Amino acid sequence: MEETKFNAKQMAKEINREIQDVFSYLDILKDSGITNMFGATPYLVDQFDLDKRTAANYLILYFQANKTN
C-alpha cells in the first residue's frame, strides 16, 4: 500500500510538471503570434509528443486557467 501511495504521489508530480511545461509553452506560443490559440493543438502534439485528445484537453485547461471575467 505504501508503494502505491508513493507511485500516485510521484505520478501527480509528473503530471503537474507536464501541465506547467505545456502552459509555459502555450504562453510563449501565444506571445509569438505564430498561431491563433484555437489552432495550438498540433503544436502541442509536435512539441510534447501528445495524442490529439490529450493536447486538446491541455489547451482547454489552459483556456480555463487564463479566462478573464
PDB file of N, CA and C in Angstrom:
ATOM      1  N   MET A   1       0.826  -1.199   0.000  1.00  0.00           N
ATOM      2  CA  MET A   1       0.000   0.000   0.000  1.00  0.00           C
ATOM      3  C   MET A   1       0.866   1.257   0.000  1.00  0.00           C
ATOM      4  N   GLU A   2       1.907   1.262   0.808  1.00  0.00           N
ATOM      5  CA  GLU A   2       2.803   2.419   0.886  1.00  0.00           C
ATOM      6  C   GLU A   2       3.445   2.700  -0.473  1.00  0.00           C
ATOM      7  N   GLU A   3       3.818   1.637  -1.189  1.00  0.00           N
ATOM      8  CA  GLU A   3       4.419   1.798  -2.506  1.00  0.00           C
ATOM      9  C   GLU A   3       3.425   2.426  -3.487  1.00  0.00           C
ATOM     10  N   THR A   4       2.158   2.070  -3.375  1.00  0.00           N
ATOM     11  CA  THR A   4       1.123   2.633  -4.228  1.00  0.00           C
ATOM     12  C   THR A   4       0.968   4.124  -3.972  1.00  0.00           C
ATOM     13  N   LYS A   5       0.986   4.531  -2.712  1.00  0.00           N
ATOM     14  CA  LYS A   5       0.887   5.955  -2.378  1.00  0.00           C
ATOM     15  C   LYS A   5       2.047   6.725  -2.991  1.00  0.00           C
ATOM     16  N   PHE A   6       3.250   6.170  -2.873  1.00  0.00           N
ATOM     17  CA  PHE A   6       4.419   6.836  -3.436  1.00  0.00           C
ATOM     18  C   PHE A   6       4.273   6.978  -4.943  1.00  0.00           C
ATOM     19  N   ASN A   7       3.848   5.914  -5.592  1.00  0.00           N
ATOM     20  CA  ASN A   7       3.688   5.965  -7.047  1.00  0.00           C
ATOM     21  C   ASN A   7       2.628   6.978  -7.449  1.00  0.00           C
ATOM     22  N   ALA A   8       1.534   7.041  -6.713  1.00  0.00           N
ATOM     23  CA  ALA A   8       0.477   8.005  -7.015  1.00  0.00           C
ATOM     24  C   ALA A   8       0.983   9.433  -6.812  1.00  0.00           C
ATOM     25  N   LYS A   9       1.722   9.658  -5.736  1.00  0.00           N
ATOM     26  CA  LYS A   9       2.280  10.992  -5.495  1.00  0.00           C
ATOM     27  C   LYS A   9       3.279  11.369  -6.574  1.00  0.00           C
ATOM     28  N   GLN A  10       4.109  10.422  -6.951  1.00  0.00           N
ATOM     29  CA  GLN A  10       5.104  10.686  -7.988  1.00  0.00           C
ATOM     30  C   GLN A  10       4.422  10.966  -9.321  1.00  0.00           C
ATOM     31  N   MET A  11       3.394  10.213  -9.625  1.00  0.00           N
ATOM     32  CA  MET A  11       2.664  10.422 -10.869  1.00  0.00           C
ATOM     33  C   MET A  11       2.003  11.793 -10.879  1.00  0.00           C
ATOM     34  N   ALA A  12       1.422  12.198  -9.760  1.00  0.00           N
ATOM     35  CA  ALA A  12       0.786  13.512  -9.664  1.00  0.00           C
ATOM     36  C   ALA A  12       1.821  14.620  -9.875  1.00  0.00           C
ATOM     37  N   LYS A  13       3.007  14.455  -9.315  1.00  0.00           N
ATOM     38  CA  LYS A  13       4.066  15.447  -9.504  1.00  0.00           C
ATOM     39  C   LYS A  13       4.461  15.548 -10.979  1.00  0.00           C
ATOM     40  N   GLU A  14       4.569  14.392 -11.629  1.00  0.00           N
ATOM     41  CA  GLU A  14       4.947  14.384 -13.040  1.00  0.00           C
ATOM     42  C   GLU A  14       3.874  15.031 -13.908  1.00  0.00           C
ATOM     43  N   ILE A  15       2.611  14.770 -13.599  1.00  0.00           N
ATOM     44  CA  ILE A  15       1.512  15.378 -14.346  1.00  0.00           C
ATOM     45  C   ILE A  15       1.504  16.887 -14.134  1.00  0.00           C
ATOM     46  N   ASN A  16       1.670  17.310 -12.890  1.00  0.00           N
ATOM     47  CA  ASN A  16       1.716  18.749 -12.602  1.00  0.00           C
ATOM     48  C   ASN A  16       2.871  19.419 -13.340  1.00  0.00           C
ATOM     49  N   ARG A  17       3.998  18.747 -13.392  1.00  0.00           N
ATOM     50  CA  ARG A  17       5.160  19.301 -14.096  1.00  0.00           C
ATOM     51  C   ARG A  17       4.872  19.403 -15.593  1.00  0.00           C
ATOM     52  N   GLU A  18       4.238  18.374 -16.141  1.00  0.00           N
ATOM     53  CA  GLU A  18       3.907  18.404 -17.566  1.00  0.00           C
ATOM     54  C   GLU A  18       2.939  19.540 -17.868  1.00  0.00           C
ATOM     55  N   ILE A  19       1.953  19.741 -17.004  1.00  0.00           N
ATOM     56  CA  ILE A  19       0.998  20.831 -17.203  1.00  0.00           C
ATOM     57  C   ILE A  19       1.722  22.177 -17.147  1.00  0.00           C
ATOM     58  N   GLN A  20       2.634  22.332 -16.209  1.00  0.00           N
ATOM     59  CA  GLN A  20       3.399  23.580 -16.122  1.00  0.00           C
ATOM     60  C   GLN A  20       4.209  23.807 -17.399  1.00  0.00           C
ATOM     61  N   ASP A  21       4.832  22.744 -17.891  1.00  0.00           N
ATOM     62  CA  ASP A  21       5.622  22.860 -19.125  1.00  0.00           C
ATOM     63  C   ASP A  21       4.736  23.232 -20.314  1.00  0.00           C
ATOM     64  N   VAL A  22       3.579  22.580 -20.411  1.00  0.00           N
ATOM     65  CA  VAL A  22       2.647  22.864 -21.508  1.00  0.00           C
ATOM     66  C   VAL A  22       2.151  24.305 -21.418  1.00  0.00           C
ATOM     67  N   PHE A  23       1.767  24.744 -20.227  1.00  0.00           N
ATOM     68  CA  PHE A  23       1.269  26.112 -20.053  1.00  0.00           C
ATOM     69  C   PHE A  23       2.352  27.134 -20.392  1.00  0.00           C
ATOM     70  N   SER A  24       3.583  26.876 -19.989  1.00  0.00           N
ATOM     71  CA  SER A  24       4.691  27.783 -20.318  1.00  0.00           C
ATOM     72  C   SER A  24       4.887  27.856 -21.826  1.00  0.00           C
ATOM     73  N   TYR A  25       4.837  26.700 -22.471  1.00  0.00           N
ATOM     74  CA  TYR A  25       4.969  26.653 -23.923  1.00  0.00           C
ATOM     75  C   TYR A  25       3.833  27.424 -24.594  1.00  0.00           C
ATOM     76  N   LEU A  26       2.607  27.234 -24.101  1.00  0.00           N
ATOM     77  CA  LEU A  26       1.463  27.936 -24.679  1.00  0.00           C
ATOM     78  C   LEU A  26       1.579  29.449 -24.498  1.00  0.00           C
ATOM     79  N   ASP A  27       2.112  29.892 -23.365  1.00  0.00           N
ATOM     80  CA  ASP A  27       2.352  31.327 -23.169  1.00  0.00           C
ATOM     81  C   ASP A  27       3.325  31.858 -24.219  1.00  0.00           C
ATOM     82  N   ILE A  28       4.392  31.105 -24.460  1.00  0.00           N
ATOM     83  CA  ILE A  28       5.389  31.516 -25.455  1.00  0.00           C
ATOM     84  C   ILE A  28       4.769  31.519 -26.843  1.00  0.00           C
ATOM     85  N   LEU A  29       4.000  30.482 -27.147  1.00  0.00           N
ATOM     86  CA  LEU A  29       3.345  30.383 -28.448  1.00  0.00           C
ATOM     87  C   LEU A  29       2.386  31.557 -28.657  1.00  0.00           C
ATOM     88  N   LYS A  30       1.621  31.869 -27.622  1.00  0.00           N
ATOM     89  CA  LYS A  30       0.669  32.980 -27.693  1.00  0.00           C
ATOM     90  C   LYS A  30       1.396  34.300 -27.945  1.00  0.00           C
ATOM     91  N   ASP A  31       2.462  34.542 -27.188  1.00  0.00           N
ATOM     92  CA  ASP A  31       3.220  35.787 -27.330  1.00  0.00           C
ATOM     93  C   ASP A  31       3.902  35.907 -28.690  1.00  0.00           C
ATOM     94  N   SER A  32       4.233  34.760 -29.280  1.00  0.00           N
ATOM     95  CA  SER A  32       4.924  34.778 -30.572  1.00  0.00           C
ATOM     96  C   SER A  32       3.995  35.178 -31.713  1.00  0.00           C
ATOM     97  N   GLY A  33       2.692  34.933 -31.545  1.00  0.00           N
ATOM     98  CA  GLY A  33       1.741  35.239 -32.594  1.00  0.00           C
ATOM     99  C   GLY A  33       1.798  34.279 -33.775  1.00  0.00           C
ATOM    100  N   ILE A  34       2.504  33.178 -33.633  1.00  0.00           N
ATOM    101  CA  ILE A  34       2.651  32.207 -34.718  1.00  0.00           C
ATOM    102  C   ILE A  34       1.308  31.629 -35.144  1.00  0.00           C
ATOM    103  N   THR A  35       0.433  31.407 -34.173  1.00  0.00           N
ATOM    104  CA  THR A  35      -0.860  30.812 -34.486  1.00  0.00           C
ATOM    105  C   THR A  35      -1.943  31.391 -33.595  1.00  0.00           C
ATOM    106  N   ASN A  36      -3.147  31.346 -34.069  1.00  0.00           N
ATOM    107  CA  ASN A  36      -4.298  31.621 -33.235  1.00  0.00           C
ATOM    108  C   ASN A  36      -4.321  30.514 -32.180  1.00  0.00           C
ATOM    109  N   MET A  37      -4.612  30.841 -30.954  1.00  0.00           N
ATOM    110  CA  MET A  37      -4.537  29.847 -29.886  1.00  0.00           C
ATOM    111  C   MET A  37      -5.528  28.696 -30.069  1.00  0.00           C
ATOM    112  N   PHE A  38      -6.597  28.923 -30.797  1.00  0.00           N
ATOM    113  CA  PHE A  38      -7.524  27.830 -31.066  1.00  0.00           C
ATOM    114  C   PHE A  38      -6.895  26.794 -31.992  1.00  0.00           C
ATOM    115  N   GLY A  39      -5.811  27.153 -32.650  1.00  0.00           N
ATOM    116  CA  GLY A  39      -5.093  26.237 -33.518  1.00  0.00           C
ATOM    117  C   GLY A  39      -3.820  25.696 -32.906  1.00  0.00           C
ATOM    118  N   ALA A  40      -3.709  25.747 -31.588  1.00  0.00           N
ATOM    119  CA  ALA A  40      -2.473  25.356 -30.913  1.00  0.00           C
ATOM    120  C   ALA A  40      -2.322  23.852 -30.694  1.00  0.00           C
ATOM    121  N   THR A  41      -3.393  23.093 -30.847  1.00  0.00           N
ATOM    122  CA  THR A  41      -3.321  21.654 -30.571  1.00  0.00           C
ATOM    123  C   THR A  41      -2.208  20.950 -31.344  1.00  0.00           C
ATOM    124  N   PRO A  42      -2.077  21.164 -32.663  1.00  0.00           N
ATOM    125  CA  PRO A  42      -0.994  20.465 -33.383  1.00  0.00           C
ATOM    126  C   PRO A  42       0.403  20.830 -32.873  1.00  0.00           C
ATOM    127  N   TYR A  43       0.555  22.042 -32.386  1.00  0.00           N
ATOM    128  CA  TYR A  43       1.845  22.447 -31.832  1.00  0.00           C
ATOM    129  C   TYR A  43       2.162  21.652 -30.567  1.00  0.00           C
ATOM    130  N   LEU A  44       1.149  21.427 -29.739  1.00  0.00           N
ATOM    131  CA  LEU A  44       1.350  20.621 -28.532  1.00  0.00           C
ATOM    132  C   LEU A  44       1.656  19.168 -28.889  1.00  0.00           C
ATOM    133  N   VAL A  45       0.953  18.647 -29.878  1.00  0.00           N
ATOM    134  CA  VAL A  45       1.195  17.272 -30.329  1.00  0.00           C
ATOM    135  C   VAL A  45       2.657  17.121 -30.739  1.00  0.00           C
ATOM    136  N   ASP A  46       3.149  18.070 -31.532  1.00  0.00           N
ATOM    137  CA  ASP A  46       4.529  18.002 -32.020  1.00  0.00           C
ATOM    138  C   ASP A  46       5.552  18.242 -30.920  1.00  0.00           C
ATOM    139  N   GLN A  47       5.325  19.250 -30.113  1.00  0.00           N
ATOM    140  CA  GLN A  47       6.304  19.646 -29.100  1.00  0.00           C
ATOM    141  C   GLN A  47       6.423  18.639 -27.958  1.00  0.00           C
ATOM    142  N   PHE A  48       5.302  18.063 -27.543  1.00  0.00           N
ATOM    143  CA  PHE A  48       5.297  17.200 -26.360  1.00  0.00           C
ATOM    144  C   PHE A  48       4.982  15.739 -26.674  1.00  0.00           C
ATOM    145  N   ASP A  49       4.862  15.411 -27.946  1.00  0.00           N
ATOM    146  CA  ASP A  49       4.564  14.042 -28.369  1.00  0.00           C
ATOM    147  C   ASP A  49       3.285  13.524 -27.698  1.00  0.00           C
ATOM    148  N   LEU A  50       2.252  14.370 -27.736  1.00  0.00           N
ATOM    149  CA  LEU A  50       0.960  14.022 -27.145  1.00  0.00           C
ATOM    150  C   LEU A  50       0.020  13.534 -28.229  1.00  0.00           C
ATOM    151  N   ASP A  51      -0.985  12.760 -27.844  1.00  0.00           N
ATOM    152  CA  ASP A  51      -2.043  12.459 -28.793  1.00  0.00           C
ATOM    153  C   ASP A  51      -2.949  13.689 -28.880  1.00  0.00           C
ATOM    154  N   LYS A  52      -3.748  13.760 -29.935  1.00  0.00           N
ATOM    155  CA  LYS A  52      -4.573  14.959 -30.167  1.00  0.00           C
ATOM    156  C   LYS A  52      -5.545  15.223 -29.023  1.00  0.00           C
ATOM    157  N   ARG A  53      -6.144  14.185 -28.476  1.00  0.00           N
ATOM    158  CA  ARG A  53      -7.121  14.370 -27.395  1.00  0.00           C
ATOM    159  C   ARG A  53      -6.464  14.967 -26.151  1.00  0.00           C
ATOM    160  N   THR A  54      -5.310  14.445 -25.770  1.00  0.00           N
ATOM    161  CA  THR A  54      -4.606  14.975 -24.597  1.00  0.00           C
ATOM    162  C   THR A  54      -4.188  16.422 -24.836  1.00  0.00           C
ATOM    163  N   ALA A  55      -3.670  16.698 -26.023  1.00  0.00           N
ATOM    164  CA  ALA A  55      -3.262  18.066 -26.356  1.00  0.00           C
ATOM    165  C   ALA A  55      -4.461  19.016 -26.300  1.00  0.00           C
ATOM    166  N   ALA A  56      -5.592  18.585 -26.844  1.00  0.00           N
ATOM    167  CA  ALA A  56      -6.802  19.424 -26.809  1.00  0.00           C
ATOM    168  C   ALA A  56      -7.272  19.645 -25.379  1.00  0.00           C
ATOM    169  N   ASN A  57      -7.185  18.616 -24.545  1.00  0.00           N
ATOM    170  CA  ASN A  57      -7.586  18.761 -23.140  1.00  0.00           C
ATOM    171  C   ASN A  57      -6.674  19.734 -22.399  1.00  0.00           C
ATOM    172  N   TYR A  58      -5.369  19.672 -22.667  1.00  0.00           N
ATOM    173  CA  TYR A  58      -4.445  20.633 -22.052  1.00  0.00           C
ATOM    174  C   TYR A  58      -4.774  22.054 -22.512  1.00  0.00           C
ATOM    175  N   LEU A  59      -5.123  22.193 -23.775  1.00  0.00           N
ATOM    176  CA  LEU A  59      -5.468  23.517 -24.295  1.00  0.00           C
ATOM    177  C   LEU A  59      -6.733  24.051 -23.619  1.00  0.00           C
ATOM    178  N   ILE A  60      -7.713  23.189 -23.407  1.00  0.00           N
ATOM    179  CA  ILE A  60      -8.934  23.588 -22.693  1.00  0.00           C
ATOM    180  C   ILE A  60      -8.584  24.025 -21.271  1.00  0.00           C
ATOM    181  N   LEU A  61      -7.742  23.257 -20.592  1.00  0.00           N
ATOM    182  CA  LEU A  61      -7.308  23.639 -19.239  1.00  0.00           C
ATOM    183  C   LEU A  61      -6.618  24.997 -19.255  1.00  0.00           C
ATOM    184  N   TYR A  62      -5.786  25.211 -20.265  1.00  0.00           N
ATOM    185  CA  TYR A  62      -5.080  26.487 -20.395  1.00  0.00           C
ATOM    186  C   TYR A  62      -6.065  27.642 -20.559  1.00  0.00           C
ATOM    187  N   PHE A  63      -7.050  27.450 -21.438  1.00  0.00           N
ATOM    188  CA  PHE A  63      -8.064  28.489 -21.635  1.00  0.00           C
ATOM    189  C   PHE A  63      -8.816  28.766 -20.337  1.00  0.00           C
ATOM    190  N   GLN A  64      -9.192  27.721 -19.623  1.00  0.00           N
ATOM    191  CA  GLN A  64      -9.928  27.890 -18.364  1.00  0.00           C
ATOM    192  C   GLN A  64      -9.081  28.595 -17.320  1.00  0.00           C
ATOM    193  N   ALA A  65      -7.807  28.247 -17.258  1.00  0.00           N
ATOM    194  CA  ALA A  65      -6.920  28.844 -16.268  1.00  0.00           C
ATOM    195  C   ALA A  65      -6.642  30.316 -16.572  1.00  0.00           C
ATOM    196  N   ASN A  66      -6.753  30.697 -17.843  1.00  0.00           N
ATOM    197  CA  ASN A  66      -6.435  32.071 -18.247  1.00  0.00           C
ATOM    198  C   ASN A  66      -7.665  32.885 -18.603  1.00  0.00           C
ATOM    199  N   LYS A  67      -8.825  32.366 -18.232  1.00  0.00           N
ATOM    200  CA  LYS A  67     -10.078  33.059 -18.543  1.00  0.00           C
ATOM    201  C   LYS A  67     -10.177  34.333 -17.701  1.00  0.00           C
ATOM    202  N   THR A  68     -10.583  35.402 -18.363  1.00  0.00           N
ATOM    203  CA  THR A  68     -10.829  36.657 -17.638  1.00  0.00           C
ATOM    204  C   THR A  68     -12.328  36.882 -17.597  1.00  0.00           C
ATOM    205  N   ASN A  69     -12.797  37.348 -16.483  1.00  0.00           N
ATOM    206  CA  ASN A  69     -14.234  37.591 -16.310  1.00  0.00           C
ATOM    207  C   ASN A  69     -14.616  38.985 -16.718  1.00  0.00           C
TER     208      ASN A  69
END
